[in-house]
Amino acid sequence: MTEKKDQETETVTQADLLQKKEQDYGKDPLNVRETDAYQFEYIGGFVDKWDELIDWDARAKSEGRFFIDILKEHKCERVLDAACGTGFHSVRLQEEGFRVISSDGSPVMLAKAFENARKRGHILRTVHSDWRWLNRDVNGKFDAIICLGNSFTHLHSEKDRRKTLAEFYAALKHDGILILDQRNYDTMLDEGFSSKHTYYYCGDKVKAEPEHIDEGLARFRYEFPDKSVFHLNMFPLRKRYVEKLMLEVGFQSVTTYGDFQETYRQDDPDFFIHVAQKKYIPEEEEENS
């Protein structure tokens, strides 16, 4: 009886999120610094406008074949899109012949991704899952996991970040790769926010910028053409910290790109993209390579 009641409560909650038009951060939004906050941030009113921020065509043009080429270079076939959002990368990879599982912690995002894919003639295999319990919800091993769109910064505690990376590591095959991106928070924290607004978020009529930033919080404000405003509270990850964390969890190597380039100046890129390899290479082989 209790289990049935819990399921009914969850269904009502998801329905409420779909219908909701305004976010509620309480009396002091700057104090909302916990991972579970993402569950109420992605409400229907925000998700319905998300593709105005993304602009699928402009985003595809900006990133080119960057992710596709990396996945093919590593001979990946089965890919988990762990933060599928409204489905952009899931659909694109499916069109390139990859076998894709699309997952997200937001049921509202998943519903939008499925709808977007269907409009383009595709059916997504979707799974609702919080990364911290990924292997409980998602079956099988993957050649690659992608976690894109600055999504990893929704994890506000190191414990949650380590748990998530451990879940990603466990879900990969022995030679699998993890592709994870983040905004360039180093420059924001050290020098203030500036963005060429060229990559990823390509909707030219949407304003997306930090309203507040300190070492423990980056609160972003999104203003759309109809003057509606939404926010996301994220943790400002420093690049070297993320690389170090990946290696400590067990990944054998990490290559970081800045806006799809392997060489870059620290203050140039809007985004960093980390490609972490699980494959173990003995020291003697590294020395001879």
Protein backbone atom coordinates (compact mmCIF):
# COMPACT_ATOMS: atom_id res chain seq x y z
CA MET A 1 0.00 0.00 0.00
CA THR A 2 2.85 2.36 0.88
CA GLU A 3 4.63 1.64 -2.41
CA LYS A 4 1.48 2.44 -4.42
CA LYS A 5 1.02 5.72 -2.51
CA ASP A 6 4.65 6.70 -3.18
CA GLN A 7 4.23 6.01 -6.89
CA GLU A 8 1.08 8.14 -7.01
CA THR A 9 2.89 10.96 -5.21
CA GLU A 10 5.78 10.81 -7.71
CA THR A 11 3.34 10.93 -10.64
CA VAL A 12 1.58 13.99 -9.22
CA THR A 13 4.93 15.68 -8.63
CA GLN A 14 6.02 15.11 -12.22
CA ALA A 15 2.69 16.39 -13.50
CA ASP A 16 3.10 19.49 -11.33
CA LEU A 17 6.57 20.10 -12.77
CA LEU A 18 5.22 19.87 -16.31
CA GLN A 19 2.52 22.45 -15.59
CA LYS A 20 4.59 24.83 -13.50
CA LYS A 21 5.52 28.18 -15.07
CA GLU A 22 7.64 29.79 -12.32
CA GLN A 23 10.58 28.49 -10.31
CA ASP A 24 10.60 28.74 -6.51
CA TYR A 25 13.97 29.20 -4.80
CA GLY A 26 12.49 30.39 -1.52
CA LYS A 27 13.35 33.58 0.33
CA ASP A 28 17.11 33.42 -0.29
CA PRO A 29 17.99 31.92 -3.70
CA LEU A 30 21.73 32.20 -2.99
CA ASN A 31 21.38 29.67 -0.19
CA VAL A 32 20.07 26.99 -2.55
CA ARG A 33 23.29 25.02 -2.93
CA GLU A 34 22.33 21.36 -2.95
CA THR A 35 22.34 18.81 -5.75
CA ASP A 36 18.66 17.91 -5.43
CA ALA A 37 17.71 21.46 -6.44
CA TYR A 38 17.81 20.45 -10.12
CA GLN A 39 14.58 18.53 -9.58
CA PHE A 40 12.56 21.73 -9.22
CA GLU A 41 14.65 23.95 -11.49
CA TYR A 42 13.64 22.24 -14.73
CA ILE A 43 9.93 23.01 -14.73
CA GLY A 44 7.68 22.90 -17.77
CA GLY A 45 7.76 26.65 -18.36
CA PHE A 46 11.58 26.63 -18.52
CA VAL A 47 12.01 23.41 -20.51
CA ASP A 48 9.48 24.56 -23.12
CA LYS A 49 11.82 27.47 -23.88
CA TRP A 50 15.11 25.57 -23.63
CA ASP A 51 15.46 25.03 -27.37
CA GLU A 52 15.31 28.80 -27.91
CA LEU A 53 18.54 28.88 -25.90
CA ILE A 54 20.11 25.91 -27.66
CA ASP A 55 19.11 26.51 -31.32
CA TRP A 56 19.80 23.04 -32.72
CA ASP A 57 20.93 24.18 -36.17
CA ALA A 58 23.35 26.82 -34.87
CA ARG A 59 24.73 24.43 -32.27
CA ALA A 60 25.32 21.71 -34.87
CA LYS A 61 27.19 24.20 -37.04
CA SER A 62 29.32 25.46 -34.12
CA GLU A 63 30.50 22.10 -32.82
CA GLY A 64 30.75 20.43 -36.23
CA ARG A 65 31.67 16.73 -35.98
CA PHE A 66 33.78 17.14 -32.85
CA PHE A 67 31.98 14.61 -30.65
CA ILE A 68 31.15 12.28 -33.53
CA ASP A 69 34.80 12.12 -34.59
CA ILE A 70 36.04 11.42 -31.05
CA LEU A 71 33.51 8.61 -30.59
CA LYS A 72 34.43 7.06 -33.93
CA GLU A 73 38.15 7.43 -33.23
CA HIS A 74 37.63 5.31 -30.11
CA LYS A 75 35.47 2.82 -32.05
CA CYS A 76 32.43 3.50 -29.88
CA GLU A 77 29.08 1.99 -30.80
CA ARG A 78 26.89 1.98 -27.68
CA VAL A 79 26.63 5.45 -26.10
CA LEU A 80 24.85 6.70 -23.00
CA ASP A 81 23.76 10.33 -23.22
CA ALA A 82 23.64 10.84 -19.46
CA ALA A 83 22.32 14.42 -19.57
CA CYS A 84 20.26 14.31 -22.73
CA GLY A 85 18.29 17.49 -22.02
CA THR A 86 15.94 18.16 -24.92
CA GLY A 87 17.65 15.51 -27.04
CA PHE A 88 20.05 17.38 -29.33
CA HIS A 89 23.05 15.06 -29.01
CA SER A 90 20.97 11.90 -28.69
CA VAL A 91 19.27 12.59 -32.02
CA ARG A 92 22.49 13.66 -33.72
CA LEU A 93 24.38 10.55 -32.61
CA GLN A 94 21.49 8.29 -33.55
CA GLU A 95 21.54 9.79 -37.04
CA GLU A 96 25.25 8.93 -37.24
CA GLY A 97 24.54 5.26 -36.51
CA PHE A 98 25.41 5.07 -32.80
CA ARG A 99 23.22 2.98 -30.50
CA VAL A 100 22.10 5.59 -27.98
CA ILE A 101 20.41 5.39 -24.59
CA SER A 102 19.11 8.79 -23.48
CA SER A 103 19.00 9.52 -19.76
CA ASP A 104 18.26 12.56 -17.64
CA GLY A 105 17.42 13.34 -14.03
CA SER A 106 14.58 15.60 -15.13
CA PRO A 107 11.42 13.83 -16.31
CA VAL A 108 10.34 17.09 -17.96
CA MET A 109 13.52 17.18 -20.05
CA LEU A 110 13.09 13.52 -21.00
CA ALA A 111 9.55 14.13 -22.20
CA LYS A 112 10.72 17.06 -24.33
CA ALA A 113 13.63 15.03 -25.75
CA PHE A 114 11.29 12.21 -26.77
CA GLU A 115 8.91 14.70 -28.39
CA ASN A 116 11.74 16.47 -30.26
CA ALA A 117 13.13 13.19 -31.57
CA ARG A 118 9.72 11.97 -32.73
CA LYS A 119 9.22 15.20 -34.71
CA ARG A 120 12.49 14.39 -36.50
CA GLY A 121 11.48 10.82 -37.25
CA HIS A 122 13.38 9.11 -34.41
CA ILE A 123 12.40 7.13 -31.33
CA LEU A 124 14.66 7.62 -28.32
CA ARG A 125 15.26 4.91 -25.74
CA THR A 126 14.89 7.00 -22.59
CA VAL A 127 15.65 6.24 -18.94
CA HIS A 128 14.88 8.54 -16.01
CA SER A 129 17.89 8.37 -13.70
CA ASP A 130 19.80 10.42 -11.16
CA TRP A 131 23.52 9.95 -11.91
CA ARG A 132 24.24 9.01 -8.31
CA TRP A 133 22.24 5.81 -8.83
CA LEU A 134 22.95 5.35 -12.53
CA ASN A 135 23.83 1.66 -12.47
CA ARG A 136 20.66 0.86 -10.55
CA ASP A 137 18.51 2.36 -13.31
CA VAL A 138 20.49 1.83 -16.52
CA ASN A 139 21.44 -1.67 -17.63
CA GLY A 140 24.49 -2.82 -19.55
CA LYS A 141 27.93 -1.44 -20.33
CA PHE A 142 28.73 1.38 -22.71
CA ASP A 143 31.59 2.24 -25.05
CA ALA A 144 31.10 5.89 -24.15
CA ILE A 145 29.17 8.13 -21.80
CA ILE A 146 28.59 11.76 -22.69
CA CYS A 147 27.61 14.31 -20.04
CA LEU A 148 27.28 17.63 -21.86
CA GLY A 149 25.64 21.04 -21.62
CA ASN A 150 27.43 22.09 -18.39
CA SER A 151 25.29 19.50 -16.61
CA PHE A 152 27.95 18.13 -14.24
CA THR A 153 27.94 21.48 -12.42
CA HIS A 154 24.51 20.64 -10.98
CA LEU A 155 26.39 18.52 -8.43
CA HIS A 156 27.00 20.81 -5.46
CA SER A 157 29.03 18.51 -3.19
CA GLU A 158 32.29 16.65 -3.78
CA LYS A 159 30.69 13.50 -2.42
CA ASP A 160 28.05 13.67 -5.18
CA ARG A 161 30.67 14.41 -7.83
CA ARG A 162 32.83 11.46 -6.79
CA LYS A 163 29.82 9.15 -6.61
CA THR A 164 28.67 10.22 -10.06
CA LEU A 165 32.08 9.74 -11.65
CA ALA A 166 32.31 6.31 -9.99
CA GLU A 167 28.91 5.40 -11.45
CA PHE A 168 30.04 6.57 -14.90
CA TYR A 169 33.28 4.57 -14.56
CA ALA A 170 31.40 1.42 -13.57
CA ALA A 171 28.96 1.75 -16.48
CA LEU A 172 31.76 1.89 -19.06
CA LYS A 173 33.40 -1.07 -20.76
CA HIS A 174 37.05 -1.72 -19.89
CA ASP A 175 38.26 0.60 -22.67
CA GLY A 176 35.36 3.08 -22.57
CA ILE A 177 35.53 6.87 -22.54
CA LEU A 178 33.70 9.61 -20.70
CA ILE A 179 33.15 12.96 -22.42
CA LEU A 180 32.18 15.65 -19.94
CA ASP A 181 32.00 19.41 -20.42
CA GLN A 182 31.79 22.50 -18.24
CA ARG A 183 31.74 26.25 -18.56
CA ASN A 184 35.02 28.09 -18.11
CA TYR A 185 34.40 28.99 -14.47
CA ASP A 186 38.10 29.71 -13.88
CA THR A 187 37.90 32.93 -15.86
CA MET A 188 34.53 33.87 -14.36
CA LEU A 189 35.86 33.48 -10.83
CA ASP A 190 39.21 35.14 -11.44
CA GLU A 191 38.37 37.87 -13.93
CA GLY A 192 34.59 38.17 -14.23
CA PHE A 193 32.14 36.89 -16.83
CA SER A 194 32.58 37.37 -20.54
CA SER A 195 31.40 35.14 -23.35
CA LYS A 196 31.70 35.14 -27.10
CA HIS A 197 28.36 33.31 -27.06
CA THR A 198 29.56 31.22 -30.00
CA TYR A 199 29.43 27.63 -28.80
CA TYR A 200 26.74 25.47 -27.22
CA TYR A 201 24.16 28.10 -26.35
CA CYS A 202 23.59 29.63 -29.75
CA GLY A 203 20.16 31.18 -29.46
CA ASP A 204 20.96 34.80 -30.31
CA LYS A 205 17.80 36.22 -28.74
CA VAL A 206 18.32 34.70 -25.30
CA LYS A 207 20.43 36.34 -22.59
CA ALA A 208 22.34 33.84 -20.44
CA GLU A 209 24.76 35.21 -17.85
CA PRO A 210 25.72 34.81 -14.21
CA GLU A 211 23.70 36.90 -11.78
CA HIS A 212 25.98 35.92 -8.89
CA ILE A 213 29.23 33.97 -8.63
CA ASP A 214 31.45 32.96 -5.73
CA GLU A 215 33.63 29.91 -5.06
CA GLY A 216 30.58 27.86 -4.11
CA LEU A 217 27.82 29.07 -6.41
CA ALA A 218 27.24 30.28 -9.95
CA ARG A 219 23.66 31.50 -10.28
CA PHE A 220 22.79 31.94 -13.95
CA ARG A 221 19.95 34.09 -15.23
CA TYR A 222 18.18 33.24 -18.51
CA GLU A 223 15.99 35.89 -20.12
CA PHE A 224 13.90 34.97 -23.17
CA PRO A 225 12.40 37.20 -25.90
CA ASP A 226 9.00 37.25 -24.18
CA LYS A 227 10.75 38.71 -21.07
CA SER A 228 10.28 35.53 -19.04
CA VAL A 229 13.19 34.85 -16.67
CA PHE A 230 14.51 31.60 -15.20
CA HIS A 231 17.56 30.66 -13.16
CA LEU A 232 19.93 27.76 -12.52
CA ASN A 233 22.09 27.44 -9.41
CA MET A 234 25.30 25.56 -10.24
CA PHE A 235 28.69 24.82 -8.69
CA PRO A 236 31.57 26.69 -10.39
CA LEU A 237 33.99 23.87 -11.14
CA ARG A 238 37.61 24.71 -11.84
CA LYS A 239 39.16 22.86 -14.77
CA ARG A 240 42.13 21.32 -12.96
CA TYR A 241 39.90 20.17 -10.12
CA VAL A 242 37.69 18.21 -12.53
CA GLU A 243 40.70 16.64 -14.25
CA LYS A 244 42.18 15.64 -10.87
CA LEU A 245 38.86 14.18 -9.71
CA MET A 246 38.55 12.05 -12.86
CA LEU A 247 42.01 10.59 -12.36
CA GLU A 248 41.41 9.92 -8.66
CA VAL A 249 38.21 8.02 -9.45
CA GLY A 250 40.17 5.70 -11.74
CA PHE A 251 40.31 7.11 -15.25
CA GLN A 252 43.79 6.58 -16.70
CA SER A 253 44.11 9.74 -18.76
CA VAL A 254 42.25 12.99 -19.36
CA THR A 255 42.54 15.21 -22.43
CA THR A 256 40.92 18.63 -22.16
CA TYR A 257 39.77 20.73 -25.10
CA GLY A 258 38.74 24.38 -25.10
CA ASP A 259 35.77 25.08 -27.38
CA PHE A 260 36.63 21.98 -29.47
CA GLN A 261 40.35 22.79 -29.73
CA GLU A 262 43.13 20.85 -28.00
CA THR A 263 45.34 23.95 -27.79
CA TYR A 264 43.90 27.13 -26.33
CA ARG A 265 44.65 30.07 -24.10
CA GLN A 266 43.14 29.80 -20.63
CA ASP A 267 40.98 32.89 -21.06
CA ASP A 268 39.76 32.07 -24.57
CA PRO A 269 37.24 29.20 -24.34
CA ASP A 270 33.66 29.46 -23.18
CA PHE A 271 33.66 25.74 -22.42
CA PHE A 272 36.11 22.99 -21.51
CA ILE A 273 35.50 19.46 -22.80
CA HIS A 274 37.21 16.63 -20.89
CA VAL A 275 37.74 13.26 -22.58
CA ALA A 276 38.62 10.67 -19.92
CA GLN A 277 39.82 7.19 -20.89
CA LYS A 278 39.25 4.13 -18.74
CA LYS A 279 41.64 1.89 -20.69
CA TYR A 280 44.62 0.82 -18.62
CA ILE A 281 48.00 1.20 -20.32
CA PRO A 282 50.96 -0.42 -18.48
CA GLU A 283 53.84 1.93 -17.75
CA GLU A 284 56.23 0.09 -20.04
CA GLU A 285 53.85 0.55 -22.98
CA GLU A 286 53.53 4.28 -22.21
CA GLU A 287 57.33 4.62 -22.17
CA ASN A 288 57.65 2.87 -25.54
CA SER A 289 54.87 4.85 -27.23
